[in-house]
PDB file of N, CA and C in Angstrom:
ATOM      1  N   MET A   1     -84.907   4.038  36.198  1.00  0.00           N
ATOM      2  CA  MET A   1     -84.462   4.539  37.500  1.00  0.00           C
ATOM      3  C   MET A   1     -83.501   5.875  37.179  1.00  0.00           C
ATOM      4  N   THR A   2     -82.777   6.475  37.896  1.00  0.00           N
ATOM      5  CA  THR A   2     -81.588   7.512  37.376  1.00  0.00           C
ATOM      6  C   THR A   2     -80.541   6.741  37.985  1.00  0.00           C
ATOM      7  N   ALA A   3     -79.693   7.051  37.024  1.00  0.00           N
ATOM      8  CA  ALA A   3     -78.162   6.973  37.559  1.00  0.00           C
ATOM      9  C   ALA A   3     -77.822   7.895  38.473  1.00  0.00           C
ATOM     10  N   GLY A   4     -77.077   7.443  39.475  1.00  0.00           N
ATOM     11  CA  GLY A   4     -76.071   7.646  40.635  1.00  0.00           C
ATOM     12  C   GLY A   4     -75.429   8.884  40.150  1.00  0.00           C
ATOM     13  N   PRO A   5     -74.753   9.305  41.099  1.00  0.00           N
ATOM     14  CA  PRO A   5     -73.251  10.464  40.800  1.00  0.00           C
ATOM     15  C   PRO A   5     -72.039   9.285  39.936  1.00  0.00           C
ATOM     16  N   ALA A   6     -71.567   9.487  38.839  1.00  0.00           N
ATOM     17  CA  ALA A   6     -70.623   9.522  38.072  1.00  0.00           C
ATOM     18  C   ALA A   6     -69.530   9.086  39.713  1.00  0.00           C
ATOM     19  N   GLU A   7     -69.048   8.024  39.075  1.00  0.00           N
ATOM     20  CA  GLU A   7     -67.883   7.648  40.081  1.00  0.00           C
ATOM     21  C   GLU A   7     -66.344   6.983  39.347  1.00  0.00           C
ATOM     22  N   VAL A   8     -65.456   7.476  39.886  1.00  0.00           N
ATOM     23  CA  VAL A   8     -64.053   7.186  39.056  1.00  0.00           C
ATOM     24  C   VAL A   8     -63.480   6.060  40.196  1.00  0.00           C
ATOM     25  N   PRO A   9     -62.265   5.508  39.679  1.00  0.00           N
ATOM     26  CA  PRO A   9     -62.187   4.041  40.501  1.00  0.00           C
ATOM     27  C   PRO A   9     -61.732   4.404  42.240  1.00  0.00           C
ATOM     28  N   GLY A  10     -61.914   4.160  43.100  1.00  0.00           N
ATOM     29  CA  GLY A  10     -61.800   4.121  44.231  1.00  0.00           C
ATOM     30  C   GLY A  10     -62.705   4.466  44.930  1.00  0.00           C
ATOM     31  N   GLY A  11     -63.853   5.032  44.323  1.00  0.00           N
ATOM     32  CA  GLY A  11     -65.241   5.158  44.731  1.00  0.00           C
ATOM     33  C   GLY A  11     -65.533   6.539  45.193  1.00  0.00           C
ATOM     34  N   VAL A  12     -64.299   7.480  44.333  1.00  0.00           N
ATOM     35  CA  VAL A  12     -64.624   8.810  44.775  1.00  0.00           C
ATOM     36  C   VAL A  12     -65.862   9.364  43.538  1.00  0.00           C
ATOM     37  N   ASN A  13     -66.714  10.353  44.398  1.00  0.00           N
ATOM     38  CA  ASN A  13     -67.738  11.010  43.184  1.00  0.00           C
ATOM     39  C   ASN A  13     -66.957  11.866  42.133  1.00  0.00           C
ATOM     40  N   ALA A  14     -67.206  12.100  41.058  1.00  0.00           N
ATOM     41  CA  ALA A  14     -66.167  12.784  40.127  1.00  0.00           C
ATOM     42  C   ALA A  14     -67.005  14.101  40.314  1.00  0.00           C
ATOM     43  N   HIS A  15     -68.158  14.276  40.514  1.00  0.00           N
ATOM     44  CA  HIS A  15     -68.370  15.803  40.709  1.00  0.00           C
ATOM     45  C   HIS A  15     -67.853  16.488  41.739  1.00  0.00           C
ATOM     46  N   ALA A  16     -67.511  15.936  42.830  1.00  0.00           N
ATOM     47  CA  ALA A  16     -66.350  16.033  44.074  1.00  0.00           C
ATOM     48  C   ALA A  16     -64.960  16.194  43.452  1.00  0.00           C
ATOM     49  N   ALA A  17     -64.888  15.304  42.707  1.00  0.00           N
ATOM     50  CA  ALA A  17     -63.176  15.440  42.419  1.00  0.00           C
ATOM     51  C   ALA A  17     -63.069  17.083  41.394  1.00  0.00           C
ATOM     52  N   ARG A  18     -63.776  17.049  40.466  1.00  0.00           N
ATOM     53  CA  ARG A  18     -63.782  18.055  39.696  1.00  0.00           C
ATOM     54  C   ARG A  18     -63.801  19.537  40.506  1.00  0.00           C
ATOM     55  N   ALA A  19     -64.791  19.929  41.045  1.00  0.00           N
ATOM     56  CA  ALA A  19     -64.803  20.812  41.938  1.00  0.00           C
ATOM     57  C   ALA A  19     -63.777  21.256  43.072  1.00  0.00           C
ATOM     58  N   HIS A  20     -62.751  19.830  43.131  1.00  0.00           N
ATOM     59  CA  HIS A  20     -61.768  20.192  43.714  1.00  0.00           C
ATOM     60  C   HIS A  20     -60.262  20.503  42.669  1.00  0.00           C
ATOM     61  N   LEU A  21     -60.677  20.404  42.038  1.00  0.00           N
ATOM     62  CA  LEU A  21     -59.742  20.413  40.729  1.00  0.00           C
ATOM     63  C   LEU A  21     -60.147  21.804  40.289  1.00  0.00           C
ATOM     64  N   VAL A  22     -60.779  22.295  40.477  1.00  0.00           N
ATOM     65  CA  VAL A  22     -61.545  23.826  39.514  1.00  0.00           C
ATOM     66  C   VAL A  22     -60.880  24.677  41.222  1.00  0.00           C
ATOM     67  N   ASP A  23     -60.911  24.087  42.141  1.00  0.00           N
ATOM     68  CA  ASP A  23     -60.517  25.353  43.144  1.00  0.00           C
ATOM     69  C   ASP A  23     -58.754  24.855  43.574  1.00  0.00           C
ATOM     70  N   TYR A  24     -57.980  23.607  43.186  1.00  0.00           N
ATOM     71  CA  TYR A  24     -56.674  23.940  43.107  1.00  0.00           C
ATOM     72  C   TYR A  24     -56.574  25.125  41.901  1.00  0.00           C
ATOM     73  N   VAL A  25     -57.083  24.563  40.715  1.00  0.00           N
ATOM     74  CA  VAL A  25     -56.330  25.511  39.667  1.00  0.00           C
ATOM     75  C   VAL A  25     -56.389  26.648  39.707  1.00  0.00           C
ATOM     76  N   ALA A  26     -57.833  27.433  40.739  1.00  0.00           N
ATOM     77  CA  ALA A  26     -57.748  29.084  41.143  1.00  0.00           C
ATOM     78  C   ALA A  26     -56.639  29.433  42.410  1.00  0.00           C
ATOM     79  N   SER A  27     -56.336  28.590  43.208  1.00  0.00           N
ATOM     80  CA  SER A  27     -55.349  28.619  44.025  1.00  0.00           C
ATOM     81  C   SER A  27     -53.838  29.042  43.329  1.00  0.00           C
ATOM     82  N   LEU A  28     -53.435  27.557  42.219  1.00  0.00           N
ATOM     83  CA  LEU A  28     -52.497  27.629  41.387  1.00  0.00           C
ATOM     84  C   LEU A  28     -52.391  29.331  40.404  1.00  0.00           C
ATOM     85  N   ARG A  29     -53.324  29.636  40.484  1.00  0.00           N
ATOM     86  CA  ARG A  29     -53.069  30.951  39.752  1.00  0.00           C
ATOM     87  C   ARG A  29     -52.987  32.206  40.879  1.00  0.00           C
ATOM     88  N   ARG A  30     -53.827  32.371  41.869  1.00  0.00           N
ATOM     89  CA  ARG A  30     -53.350  33.135  42.874  1.00  0.00           C
ATOM     90  C   ARG A  30     -52.040  33.256  43.296  1.00  0.00           C
ATOM     91  N   ASP A  31     -51.294  31.455  43.606  1.00  0.00           N
ATOM     92  CA  ASP A  31     -50.233  31.618  43.845  1.00  0.00           C
ATOM     93  C   ASP A  31     -49.151  32.105  42.840  1.00  0.00           C
ATOM     94  N   ALA A  32     -49.653  32.087  41.451  1.00  0.00           N
ATOM     95  CA  ALA A  32     -48.493  32.825  40.325  1.00  0.00           C
ATOM     96  C   ALA A  32     -48.485  34.001  40.280  1.00  0.00           C
ATOM     97  N   GLU A  33     -49.590  34.519  40.398  1.00  0.00           N
ATOM     98  CA  GLU A  33     -49.931  36.358  40.820  1.00  0.00           C
ATOM     99  C   GLU A  33     -49.122  36.250  42.039  1.00  0.00           C
ATOM    100  N   LEU A  34     -49.324  36.103  43.119  1.00  0.00           N
ATOM    101  CA  LEU A  34     -48.257  36.360  44.474  1.00  0.00           C
ATOM    102  C   LEU A  34     -46.713  36.087  44.071  1.00  0.00           C
ATOM    103  N   LEU A  35     -46.353  35.493  43.407  1.00  0.00           N
ATOM    104  CA  LEU A  35     -45.251  34.566  43.059  1.00  0.00           C
ATOM    105  C   LEU A  35     -44.386  35.639  42.228  1.00  0.00           C
ATOM    106  N   ALA A  36     -45.168  36.180  41.005  1.00  0.00           N
ATOM    107  CA  ALA A  36     -44.498  37.030  40.279  1.00  0.00           C
ATOM    108  C   ALA A  36     -44.244  38.617  40.488  1.00  0.00           C
ATOM    109  N   ARG A  37     -45.380  39.025  41.632  1.00  0.00           N
ATOM    110  CA  ARG A  37     -45.154  40.337  42.612  1.00  0.00           C
ATOM    111  C   ARG A  37     -43.988  40.205  43.277  1.00  0.00           C
ATOM    112  N   ASP A  38     -43.768  38.945  43.889  1.00  0.00           N
ATOM    113  CA  ASP A  38     -42.366  38.849  44.499  1.00  0.00           C
ATOM    114  C   ASP A  38     -41.191  38.668  43.641  1.00  0.00           C
ATOM    115  N   GLY A  39     -41.365  38.758  42.289  1.00  0.00           N
ATOM    116  CA  GLY A  39     -40.022  38.722  41.742  1.00  0.00           C
ATOM    117  C   GLY A  39     -39.823  37.012  41.406  1.00  0.00           C
ATOM    118  N   ASN A  40     -40.350  36.215  41.954  1.00  0.00           N
ATOM    119  CA  ASN A  40     -40.498  34.932  41.198  1.00  0.00           C
ATOM    120  C   ASN A  40     -40.666  34.231  40.203  1.00  0.00           C
ATOM    121  N   THR A  41     -40.156  34.836  38.917  1.00  0.00           N
ATOM    122  CA  THR A  41     -40.872  34.739  37.861  1.00  0.00           C
ATOM    123  C   THR A  41     -41.094  33.148  37.379  1.00  0.00           C
ATOM    124  N   ASP A  42     -39.767  32.545  37.590  1.00  0.00           N
ATOM    125  CA  ASP A  42     -39.731  31.372  36.990  1.00  0.00           C
ATOM    126  C   ASP A  42     -40.978  30.531  37.720  1.00  0.00           C
ATOM    127  N   LEU A  43     -40.998  30.691  39.079  1.00  0.00           N
ATOM    128  CA  LEU A  43     -42.119  30.266  39.730  1.00  0.00           C
ATOM    129  C   LEU A  43     -43.459  29.967  39.655  1.00  0.00           C
ATOM    130  N   ALA A  44     -43.527  31.451  39.324  1.00  0.00           N
ATOM    131  CA  ALA A  44     -44.607  31.879  38.538  1.00  0.00           C
ATOM    132  C   ALA A  44     -45.049  31.004  37.759  1.00  0.00           C
ATOM    133  N   ALA A  45     -44.313  30.904  36.323  1.00  0.00           N
ATOM    134  CA  ALA A  45     -44.458  30.732  35.300  1.00  0.00           C
ATOM    135  C   ALA A  45     -44.617  29.124  35.116  1.00  0.00           C
ATOM    136  N   ALA A  46     -44.200  27.840  36.040  1.00  0.00           N
ATOM    137  CA  ALA A  46     -44.586  26.989  36.550  1.00  0.00           C
ATOM    138  C   ALA A  46     -46.032  26.833  36.791  1.00  0.00           C
ATOM    139  N   HIS A  47     -46.458  27.625  38.063  1.00  0.00           N
ATOM    140  CA  HIS A  47     -47.758  27.797  38.511  1.00  0.00           C
ATOM    141  C   HIS A  47     -48.900  27.638  37.757  1.00  0.00           C
ATOM    142  N   HIS A  48     -48.292  28.929  36.528  1.00  0.00           N
ATOM    143  CA  HIS A  48     -49.188  29.051  35.731  1.00  0.00           C
ATOM    144  C   HIS A  48     -49.453  28.005  34.683  1.00  0.00           C
ATOM    145  N   ARG A  49     -48.302  27.433  34.136  1.00  0.00           N
ATOM    146  CA  ARG A  49     -48.222  26.697  33.279  1.00  0.00           C
ATOM    147  C   ARG A  49     -49.187  25.050  33.827  1.00  0.00           C
ATOM    148  N   ILE A  50     -48.723  25.180  34.959  1.00  0.00           N
ATOM    149  CA  ILE A  50     -49.537  23.423  35.613  1.00  0.00           C
ATOM    150  C   ILE A  50     -51.106  24.156  35.587  1.00  0.00           C
ATOM    151  N   ALA A  51     -51.718  25.188  36.138  1.00  0.00           N
ATOM    152  CA  ALA A  51     -53.058  25.786  35.851  1.00  0.00           C
ATOM    153  C   ALA A  51     -53.646  25.474  34.137  1.00  0.00           C
ATOM    154  N   GLU A  52     -52.387  26.037  33.454  1.00  0.00           N
ATOM    155  CA  GLU A  52     -53.254  26.110  32.308  1.00  0.00           C
ATOM    156  C   GLU A  52     -53.614  24.225  31.686  1.00  0.00           C
ATOM    157  N   ASP A  53     -52.528  23.772  32.357  1.00  0.00           N
ATOM    158  CA  ASP A  53     -52.806  21.957  31.922  1.00  0.00           C
ATOM    159  C   ASP A  53     -54.068  21.696  32.498  1.00  0.00           C
ATOM    160  N   LEU A  54     -53.793  21.917  33.825  1.00  0.00           N
ATOM    161  CA  LEU A  54     -55.506  21.546  34.549  1.00  0.00           C
ATOM    162  C   LEU A  54     -56.675  21.903  33.807  1.00  0.00           C
ATOM    163  N   SER A  55     -56.624  23.128  33.241  1.00  0.00           N
ATOM    164  CA  SER A  55     -58.022  23.947  32.917  1.00  0.00           C
ATOM    165  C   SER A  55     -58.333  22.942  31.431  1.00  0.00           C
ATOM    166  N   ALA A  56     -57.131  22.973  30.612  1.00  0.00           N
ATOM    167  CA  ALA A  56     -57.514  21.984  29.602  1.00  0.00           C
ATOM    168  C   ALA A  56     -58.039  20.624  29.540  1.00  0.00           C
ATOM    169  N   LEU A  57     -57.414  20.138  30.563  1.00  0.00           N
ATOM    170  CA  LEU A  57     -58.292  18.683  31.245  1.00  0.00           C
ATOM    171  C   LEU A  57     -59.366  19.209  31.764  1.00  0.00           C
ATOM    172  N   LEU A  58     -59.982  20.045  32.488  1.00  0.00           N
ATOM    173  CA  LEU A  58     -60.807  19.953  32.864  1.00  0.00           C
ATOM    174  C   LEU A  58     -62.056  20.699  31.869  1.00  0.00           C
ATOM    175  N   ARG A  59     -61.571  21.387  30.715  1.00  0.00           N
ATOM    176  CA  ARG A  59     -62.200  21.212  29.274  1.00  0.00           C
ATOM    177  C   ARG A  59     -62.665  19.878  28.513  1.00  0.00           C
ATOM    178  N   ARG A  60     -61.601  19.621  28.668  1.00  0.00           N
ATOM    179  CA  ARG A  60     -61.711  17.993  27.618  1.00  0.00           C
ATOM    180  C   ARG A  60     -62.857  17.276  28.486  1.00  0.00           C
ATOM    181  N   TRP A  61     -62.846  17.085  30.159  1.00  0.00           N
ATOM    182  CA  TRP A  61     -63.677  16.397  30.641  1.00  0.00           C
ATOM    183  C   TRP A  61     -64.854  17.259  30.488  1.00  0.00           C
ATOM    184  N   ASP A  62     -65.351  18.259  30.782  1.00  0.00           N
ATOM    185  CA  ASP A  62     -66.492  18.625  30.406  1.00  0.00           C
ATOM    186  C   ASP A  62     -67.181  18.706  28.778  1.00  0.00           C
ATOM    187  N   ILE A  63     -66.178  18.502  27.635  1.00  0.00           N
ATOM    188  CA  ILE A  63     -66.383  18.256  26.641  1.00  0.00           C
ATOM    189  C   ILE A  63     -67.468  16.532  26.415  1.00  0.00           C
ATOM    190  N   ALA A  64     -66.205  16.070  27.013  1.00  0.00           N
ATOM    191  CA  ALA A  64     -66.791  14.220  27.004  1.00  0.00           C
ATOM    192  C   ALA A  64     -67.976  14.174  28.015  1.00  0.00           C
ATOM    193  N   HIS A  65     -68.229  14.660  29.341  1.00  0.00           N
ATOM    194  CA  HIS A  65     -69.259  14.567  30.105  1.00  0.00           C
ATOM    195  C   HIS A  65     -70.052  15.300  30.748  1.00  0.00           C
ATOM    196  N   GLY A  66     -69.694  16.390  30.183  1.00  0.00           N
ATOM    197  CA  GLY A  66     -70.419  17.949  31.094  1.00  0.00           C
ATOM    198  C   GLY A  66     -70.026  18.075  32.276  1.00  0.00           C
ATOM    199  N   PRO A  67     -69.929  19.592  32.830  1.00  0.00           N
ATOM    200  CA  PRO A  67     -69.360  20.037  33.805  1.00  0.00           C
ATOM    201  C   PRO A  67     -70.132  19.475  34.804  1.00  0.00           C
ATOM    202  N   HIS A  68     -71.473  18.574  34.994  1.00  0.00           N
ATOM    203  CA  HIS A  68     -71.964  18.416  36.403  1.00  0.00           C
ATOM    204  C   HIS A  68     -71.962  17.223  36.589  1.00  0.00           C
ATOM    205  N   SER A  69     -71.281  16.373  35.858  1.00  0.00           N
ATOM    206  CA  SER A  69     -70.870  14.917  35.602  1.00  0.00           C
ATOM    207  C   SER A  69     -70.080  14.191  36.537  1.00  0.00           C
TER     208      SER A  69
END
């Protein structure tokens, strides 16, 4: 018997949640670039820091569970 998709509390498929987070990080990075171009450097830096923190979280998840869990 094969195990089904990993689930997180609340019944959310972990793979779908991870994919959403990857998309969100990409969106934050795009927004940071646009904000920097518009001169909003403080807000751009905040977006960049959040994206980096979430990327680190994704790397830890991948190390512990694999990128497709």
